Protein backbone atom coordinates (compact mmCIF):
# COMPACT_ATOMS: atom_id res chain seq x y z
CA MET A 1 10.16 -0.91 -5.10
CA LYS A 2 13.20 -1.38 -2.84
CA ILE A 3 12.81 -1.59 0.85
CA LEU A 4 15.87 -1.36 3.07
CA ILE A 5 15.82 -3.07 6.39
CA ILE A 6 18.26 -1.75 9.01
CA GLU A 7 18.02 -4.25 11.76
CA ASP A 8 20.69 -6.18 13.62
CA ASP A 9 18.44 -9.04 14.58
CA ALA A 10 18.92 -11.78 11.87
CA THR A 11 15.62 -13.51 12.76
CA ILE A 12 13.64 -10.34 12.36
CA ARG A 13 15.40 -9.43 9.13
CA SER A 14 14.82 -12.86 7.72
CA GLY A 15 11.04 -12.82 8.55
CA LEU A 16 10.59 -9.36 7.12
CA LYS A 17 12.55 -10.20 3.93
CA TYR A 18 10.34 -13.31 3.34
CA CYS A 19 7.07 -11.29 3.85
CA LEU A 20 8.14 -8.45 1.71
CA GLU A 21 9.46 -10.36 -1.14
CA TYR A 22 6.19 -12.33 -1.20
CA GLU A 23 4.48 -8.91 -1.76
CA ASN A 24 6.96 -8.37 -4.63
CA TYR A 25 9.13 -5.78 -3.13
CA GLU A 26 12.97 -5.98 -3.51
CA VAL A 27 14.62 -6.10 -0.14
CA ILE A 28 18.05 -4.72 0.83
CA GLU A 29 19.39 -5.59 4.21
CA ALA A 30 21.91 -3.95 6.58
CA THR A 31 23.00 -5.12 10.00
CA ASN A 32 24.04 -1.67 11.35
CA GLY A 33 23.90 2.07 10.70
CA SER A 34 27.11 2.35 8.87
CA GLU A 35 26.15 -0.28 6.42
CA GLY A 36 22.68 1.11 6.04
CA LEU A 37 23.99 4.57 5.08
CA LYS A 38 25.84 2.99 2.11
CA LYS A 39 22.79 1.33 0.65
CA LEU A 40 20.40 4.34 0.31
CA ASN A 41 20.52 4.30 -3.63
CA ASN A 42 17.02 3.92 -5.14
CA ILE A 43 15.41 2.92 -1.81
CA SER A 44 11.63 3.58 -1.57
CA LEU A 45 11.30 3.04 2.12
CA ILE A 46 13.31 2.19 5.12
CA LEU A 47 12.51 -0.02 8.16
CA LEU A 48 14.74 1.31 10.78
CA ASP A 49 15.50 -0.45 14.19
CA ILE A 50 16.10 2.06 17.00
CA ASN A 51 18.51 -0.01 18.99
CA LEU A 52 21.49 -0.65 16.52
CA PRO A 53 24.91 -1.75 17.61
CA ASP A 54 26.95 1.16 16.28
CA ILE A 55 24.47 4.22 16.50
CA ASP A 56 21.23 5.32 17.93
CA GLY A 57 18.36 4.93 15.55
CA PHE A 58 17.23 8.45 16.03
CA GLU A 59 20.72 9.81 15.16
CA LEU A 60 20.79 7.55 12.08
CA PHE A 61 17.46 8.84 10.99
CA LYS A 62 18.89 12.40 11.04
CA LYS A 63 21.86 11.33 9.03
CA ILE A 64 19.58 9.60 6.45
CA LYS A 65 17.30 12.60 6.16
CA ASN A 66 20.29 14.89 5.50
CA ILE A 67 21.30 12.71 2.62
CA LYS A 68 17.92 11.92 1.12
CA ASN A 69 14.26 12.25 2.01
CA ILE A 70 13.15 8.57 2.15
CA PRO A 71 10.17 7.48 4.05
CA ILE A 72 11.05 5.76 7.29
CA ILE A 73 9.19 3.43 9.70
CA PHE A 74 10.83 3.02 13.10
CA LEU A 75 11.05 -0.62 14.53
CA THR A 76 11.67 -0.91 18.16
CA ALA A 77 10.83 -2.80 21.26
CA ASN A 78 10.41 0.33 23.15
CA ASP A 79 6.67 1.18 23.39
CA LEU A 80 7.12 4.26 25.73
CA GLU A 81 4.86 7.06 24.61
CA THR A 82 7.71 9.59 24.91
CA SER A 83 9.80 7.51 22.53
CA ILE A 84 7.08 7.11 20.00
CA VAL A 85 6.26 10.85 20.06
CA MET A 86 10.02 11.74 19.69
CA GLY A 87 10.27 9.56 16.58
CA LEU A 88 6.97 10.96 15.04
CA ASP A 89 8.03 14.57 15.82
CA MET A 90 11.31 13.92 14.11
CA GLY A 91 9.35 13.28 10.92
CA ALA A 92 9.12 9.50 10.90
CA ASP A 93 6.33 8.14 8.74
CA ASP A 94 5.34 5.55 11.21
CA TYR A 95 6.43 3.75 14.51
CA VAL A 96 5.93 0.02 14.94
CA THR A 97 6.67 -1.70 18.27
CA LYS A 98 7.90 -5.24 18.53
CA PRO A 99 6.46 -7.85 18.43
CA PHE A 100 4.36 -6.63 15.43
CA LYS A 101 1.87 -8.31 13.25
CA THR A 102 3.49 -8.50 9.77
CA ARG A 103 0.17 -7.95 7.93
CA GLU A 104 -0.35 -4.77 9.84
CA LEU A 105 3.23 -3.64 8.94
CA ILE A 106 2.67 -4.55 5.24
CA SER A 107 -0.53 -2.53 5.35
CA ARG A 108 1.25 0.59 6.79
CA ILE A 109 4.24 0.15 4.25
CA LYS A 110 1.62 0.14 1.40
CA ASN A 111 -0.20 3.30 2.81
CA ILE A 112 3.02 5.18 3.12
CA LEU A 113 4.24 4.27 -0.37
CA ARG A 114 0.89 5.23 -1.77
CA ARG A 115 0.96 8.66 -0.12
CA ASN A 116 4.50 9.19 -1.32
CA ASN A 117 3.66 8.36 -4.96
CA ASN A 118 2.74 11.34 -7.13
CA TYR A 119 -0.65 10.01 -8.29
CA ASP A 120 -4.06 10.52 -7.01
CA VAL A 121 -6.10 8.65 -9.57
CA ILE A 122 -6.01 5.26 -11.22
CA ASN A 123 -7.85 4.75 -14.51
CA ILE A 124 -8.84 1.41 -15.76
CA LYS A 125 -10.95 1.58 -18.98
CA ASN A 126 -14.09 3.50 -17.97
CA ILE A 127 -13.36 3.15 -14.25
CA THR A 128 -11.69 5.88 -12.16
CA ILE A 129 -10.37 5.12 -8.78
CA ASP A 130 -9.89 8.37 -6.79
CA LEU A 131 -7.19 7.64 -4.06
CA LYS A 132 -7.83 10.86 -2.15
CA GLN A 133 -11.65 10.42 -1.85
CA ALA A 134 -11.38 6.64 -1.69
CA LYS A 135 -14.24 6.45 -4.24
CA VAL A 136 -14.75 4.60 -7.62
CA PHE A 137 -16.46 6.11 -10.58
CA LYS A 138 -17.78 4.42 -13.61
CA ASN A 139 -18.23 6.82 -16.65
CA GLY A 140 -18.00 9.67 -14.10
CA VAL A 141 -20.81 8.28 -11.77
CA ASP A 142 -20.05 7.11 -8.28
CA VAL A 143 -20.64 3.35 -8.11
CA ASN A 144 -20.76 3.25 -4.26
CA LEU A 145 -18.49 0.51 -3.35
CA THR A 146 -18.41 -0.59 0.37
CA ALA A 147 -15.09 -0.11 2.18
CA LEU A 148 -14.20 -3.74 1.78
CA GLU A 149 -15.15 -3.83 -1.80
CA TYR A 150 -13.04 -0.75 -2.45
CA LYS A 151 -10.03 -2.35 -0.67
CA ILE A 152 -10.27 -5.41 -2.89
CA LEU A 153 -10.47 -3.50 -6.05
CA LEU A 154 -7.62 -1.17 -4.89
CA ALA A 155 -5.37 -4.14 -4.03
CA LEU A 156 -5.77 -5.30 -7.63
CA ALA A 157 -5.55 -1.93 -9.26
CA LEU A 158 -2.28 -1.09 -7.55
CA ASN A 159 -0.67 -4.10 -9.11
CA PRO A 160 -2.03 -4.16 -12.68
CA ASN A 161 0.37 -6.71 -13.96
CA GLN A 162 0.15 -9.26 -11.34
CA VAL A 163 -1.95 -12.23 -10.74
CA PHE A 164 -3.30 -12.47 -7.13
CA THR A 165 -3.83 -15.93 -5.66
CA ARG A 166 -6.96 -15.93 -3.52
CA GLU A 167 -4.65 -16.46 -0.49
CA ARG A 168 -2.56 -13.35 -1.31
CA LEU A 169 -5.57 -11.10 -1.94
CA LEU A 170 -7.10 -12.30 1.42
CA ALA A 171 -3.94 -11.36 3.18
CA ASP A 172 -3.65 -7.98 1.38
CA ILE A 173 -7.09 -6.73 2.42
CA TRP A 174 -6.82 -7.90 5.97
CA ASP A 175 -6.73 -4.76 8.19
CA VAL A 176 -5.42 -3.64 11.56
CA ASN A 177 -8.84 -3.87 13.14
CA GLU A 178 -8.91 -7.57 11.98
CA GLU A 179 -11.85 -7.30 9.83
CA TYR A 180 -11.19 -10.46 7.81
CA VAL A 181 -12.67 -11.94 4.77
CA TYR A 182 -12.80 -15.71 4.49
CA ASP A 183 -11.98 -17.58 1.29
CA ASN A 184 -15.68 -18.80 0.85
CA THR A 185 -16.92 -15.21 0.85
CA LEU A 186 -14.35 -13.55 -1.44
CA THR A 187 -16.07 -14.89 -4.48
CA VAL A 188 -19.21 -13.07 -3.31
CA TYR A 189 -17.39 -9.93 -2.86
CA ILE A 190 -15.80 -10.10 -6.30
CA LYS A 191 -19.23 -10.78 -7.85
CA ARG A 192 -20.58 -7.72 -6.04
CA ILE A 193 -17.70 -5.55 -7.41
CA ARG A 194 -18.18 -6.75 -10.96
CA GLU A 195 -21.90 -6.06 -10.67
CA LYS A 196 -21.04 -2.36 -10.02
CA ILE A 197 -18.02 -1.86 -12.28
CA GLU A 198 -18.34 -4.20 -15.23
CA ASP A 199 -20.46 -3.58 -18.44
CA ASP A 200 -21.11 -7.33 -18.85
CA ILE A 201 -20.48 -9.54 -15.67
CA THR A 202 -20.65 -12.67 -17.77
CA ASP A 203 -17.58 -11.38 -19.62
CA PRO A 204 -15.59 -9.21 -17.24
CA LYS A 205 -12.88 -6.93 -18.66
CA ILE A 206 -11.73 -5.20 -15.40
CA ILE A 207 -11.45 -7.92 -12.77
CA LYS A 208 -10.49 -11.21 -14.73
CA THR A 209 -10.47 -14.59 -13.18
CA VAL A 210 -7.24 -16.66 -13.77
CA ARG A 211 -8.59 -20.13 -13.62
CA GLY A 212 -7.10 -22.21 -10.86
CA ILE A 213 -5.08 -19.38 -9.42
CA GLY A 214 -7.00 -16.09 -8.64
CA TYR A 215 -7.72 -12.68 -10.06
CA LYS A 216 -6.06 -9.92 -11.95
CA ILE A 217 -6.85 -6.58 -13.48
CA GLY A 218 -7.60 -7.02 -17.18
CA ASP A 219 -5.17 -6.21 -19.92
CA ASP A 220 -5.55 -2.80 -21.72
CA ASN A 221 -6.09 -4.56 -25.09
CA ASP A 222 -8.99 -6.70 -23.87
């Protein structure tokens, strides 16, 4: 997926680009509104600074929406409630004030992209993940994952062709309330999930260990 960053601050752009590319997004950059309007092709989401050198961010938002209905998150140093309400009332998908926590922003981006994708269910072998209910079923029976177990499984399931390092998986399941899983407990959570979804935990077919690296969702032909 392509994410367009329309931001005149080079330091912020560079930091966002690094973090988003680490999450395997393709990043397109624009330093002002005019440049941003020329780069809307095949964009999945826009991070839009309010205070641009050539145009007010709210005005640019209207121009973009008149061209294409792309999810937009406002980035701004202005944390006034009236400004936030104005942005959301216009139809923005979210509004993040600077300075922001990168992990929180990544989490919000993923949630917005998930909402805007036209799928509600992920099927992996005999496991069904219902995104609307935030539930997991094995052969049609609810396996009762905890919120954190669900988040770990979903992070892997949304990226079926990727190997997650332990560090990346830990970062991906961090949430805005700072409920954090430490490296030495991640193995325990993976074991608990496997006990609930695998037919044979000694030979897992859904969550596979990539020795020396991390975890991945198993291949369909396993």
